[in-house]
Amino acid sequence: MARLSRIVIPGYPHHITQRGNRRSRVIFNEGDYALYLDLLSEAALKSETEIRSYCLMPNHVHLIGRAFR
């Protein structure tokens, strides 16, 4: 079942998580970490979102971000 849409308040920080299915790995090597950060930076610029902090682990990711629109 899909989750309900989240309420986004512009400028308010949000904790965002991303996890692999059944806790499987989503990052396999050092190059994957760099690629993830490059793609995250690109997506943040396009969506007018500021990423304040992040924690990348092999099977999941934590982000603190603020959307401005």
C-alpha atoms as a PDB file:
ATOM      1  CA  MET A   1       0.000   0.000   0.000  1.00  0.00           C
ATOM      2  CA  ALA A   2       1.325   3.439  -0.927  1.00  0.00           C
ATOM      3  CA  ARG A   3       2.074   6.009   1.737  1.00  0.00           C
ATOM      4  CA  LEU A   4       0.005   9.153   2.111  1.00  0.00           C
ATOM      5  CA  SER A   5       1.447  12.329   0.621  1.00  0.00           C
ATOM      6  CA  ARG A   6       3.568  14.279   3.056  1.00  0.00           C
ATOM      7  CA  ILE A   7       2.922  17.867   3.995  1.00  0.00           C
ATOM      8  CA  VAL A   8       5.842  20.049   2.895  1.00  0.00           C
ATOM      9  CA  ILE A   9       6.170  23.398   4.626  1.00  0.00           C
ATOM     10  CA  PRO A  10       8.590  25.652   2.706  1.00  0.00           C
ATOM     11  CA  GLY A  11      11.749  26.322   4.712  1.00  0.00           C
ATOM     12  CA  TYR A  12      10.973  23.683   7.358  1.00  0.00           C
ATOM     13  CA  PRO A  13      13.564  20.877   7.746  1.00  0.00           C
ATOM     14  CA  HIS A  14      12.581  17.276   6.962  1.00  0.00           C
ATOM     15  CA  HIS A  15      14.253  13.975   7.781  1.00  0.00           C
ATOM     16  CA  ILE A  16      14.345  11.867   4.608  1.00  0.00           C
ATOM     17  CA  THR A  17      15.316   8.202   4.498  1.00  0.00           C
ATOM     18  CA  GLN A  18      15.895   5.839   1.612  1.00  0.00           C
ATOM     19  CA  ARG A  19      16.387   2.124   2.162  1.00  0.00           C
ATOM     20  CA  GLY A  20      17.050  -0.836  -0.119  1.00  0.00           C
ATOM     21  CA  ASN A  21      14.366  -3.510  -0.470  1.00  0.00           C
ATOM     22  CA  ARG A  22      14.648  -6.032   2.351  1.00  0.00           C
ATOM     23  CA  ARG A  23      17.559  -3.957   3.630  1.00  0.00           C
ATOM     24  CA  SER A  24      19.693  -4.906   0.653  1.00  0.00           C
ATOM     25  CA  ARG A  25      22.666  -2.743  -0.302  1.00  0.00           C
ATOM     26  CA  VAL A  26      22.070   0.362  -2.394  1.00  0.00           C
ATOM     27  CA  ILE A  27      25.711   1.530  -2.382  1.00  0.00           C
ATOM     28  CA  PHE A  28      28.333  -1.018  -3.387  1.00  0.00           C
ATOM     29  CA  ASN A  29      31.650   0.850  -3.688  1.00  0.00           C
ATOM     30  CA  GLU A  30      33.332   4.231  -3.203  1.00  0.00           C
ATOM     31  CA  GLY A  31      32.305   5.357  -6.694  1.00  0.00           C
ATOM     32  CA  ASP A  32      28.647   4.815  -5.799  1.00  0.00           C
ATOM     33  CA  TYR A  33      28.956   7.234  -2.868  1.00  0.00           C
ATOM     34  CA  ALA A  34      30.374   9.936  -5.160  1.00  0.00           C
ATOM     35  CA  LEU A  35      27.732   9.290  -7.831  1.00  0.00           C
ATOM     36  CA  TYR A  36      24.920   9.432  -5.248  1.00  0.00           C
ATOM     37  CA  LEU A  37      26.164  12.797  -3.960  1.00  0.00           C
ATOM     38  CA  ASP A  38      26.456  14.181  -7.510  1.00  0.00           C
ATOM     39  CA  LEU A  39      22.907  13.083  -8.358  1.00  0.00           C
ATOM     40  CA  LEU A  40      21.612  14.383  -5.020  1.00  0.00           C
ATOM     41  CA  SER A  41      23.203  17.778  -5.651  1.00  0.00           C
ATOM     42  CA  GLU A  42      21.656  17.958  -9.125  1.00  0.00           C
ATOM     43  CA  ALA A  43      18.198  16.976  -7.854  1.00  0.00           C
ATOM     44  CA  ALA A  44      18.396  19.451  -4.955  1.00  0.00           C
ATOM     45  CA  LEU A  45      19.165  22.329  -7.338  1.00  0.00           C
ATOM     46  CA  LYS A  46      16.295  21.409  -9.668  1.00  0.00           C
ATOM     47  CA  SER A  47      13.793  21.078  -6.819  1.00  0.00           C
ATOM     48  CA  GLU A  48      14.992  24.149  -4.880  1.00  0.00           C
ATOM     49  CA  THR A  49      15.839  22.001  -1.878  1.00  0.00           C
ATOM     50  CA  GLU A  50      18.752  22.580   0.481  1.00  0.00           C
ATOM     51  CA  ILE A  51      20.427  19.438   1.809  1.00  0.00           C
ATOM     52  CA  ARG A  52      21.717  20.397   5.264  1.00  0.00           C
ATOM     53  CA  SER A  53      23.243  17.051   6.200  1.00  0.00           C
ATOM     54  CA  TYR A  54      23.464  13.478   5.010  1.00  0.00           C
ATOM     55  CA  CYS A  55      24.613  10.072   6.165  1.00  0.00           C
ATOM     56  CA  LEU A  56      25.242   7.500   3.432  1.00  0.00           C
ATOM     57  CA  MET A  57      25.441   3.870   4.514  1.00  0.00           C
ATOM     58  CA  PRO A  58      25.650   0.732   2.379  1.00  0.00           C
ATOM     59  CA  ASN A  59      21.971  -0.197   2.769  1.00  0.00           C
ATOM     60  CA  HIS A  60      20.283   3.129   3.494  1.00  0.00           C
ATOM     61  CA  VAL A  61      20.591   6.909   3.432  1.00  0.00           C
ATOM     62  CA  HIS A  62      19.526   9.665   5.847  1.00  0.00           C
ATOM     63  CA  LEU A  63      19.095  13.268   4.678  1.00  0.00           C
ATOM     64  CA  ILE A  64      18.040  16.489   6.381  1.00  0.00           C
ATOM     65  CA  GLY A  65      16.651  18.848   3.779  1.00  0.00           C
ATOM     66  CA  ARG A  66      14.607  22.020   3.441  1.00  0.00           C
ATOM     67  CA  ALA A  67      12.312  22.675   0.489  1.00  0.00           C
ATOM     68  CA  PHE A  68      11.797  26.297  -0.486  1.00  0.00           C
ATOM     69  CA  ARG A  69       8.698  25.926  -2.627  1.00  0.00           C
END
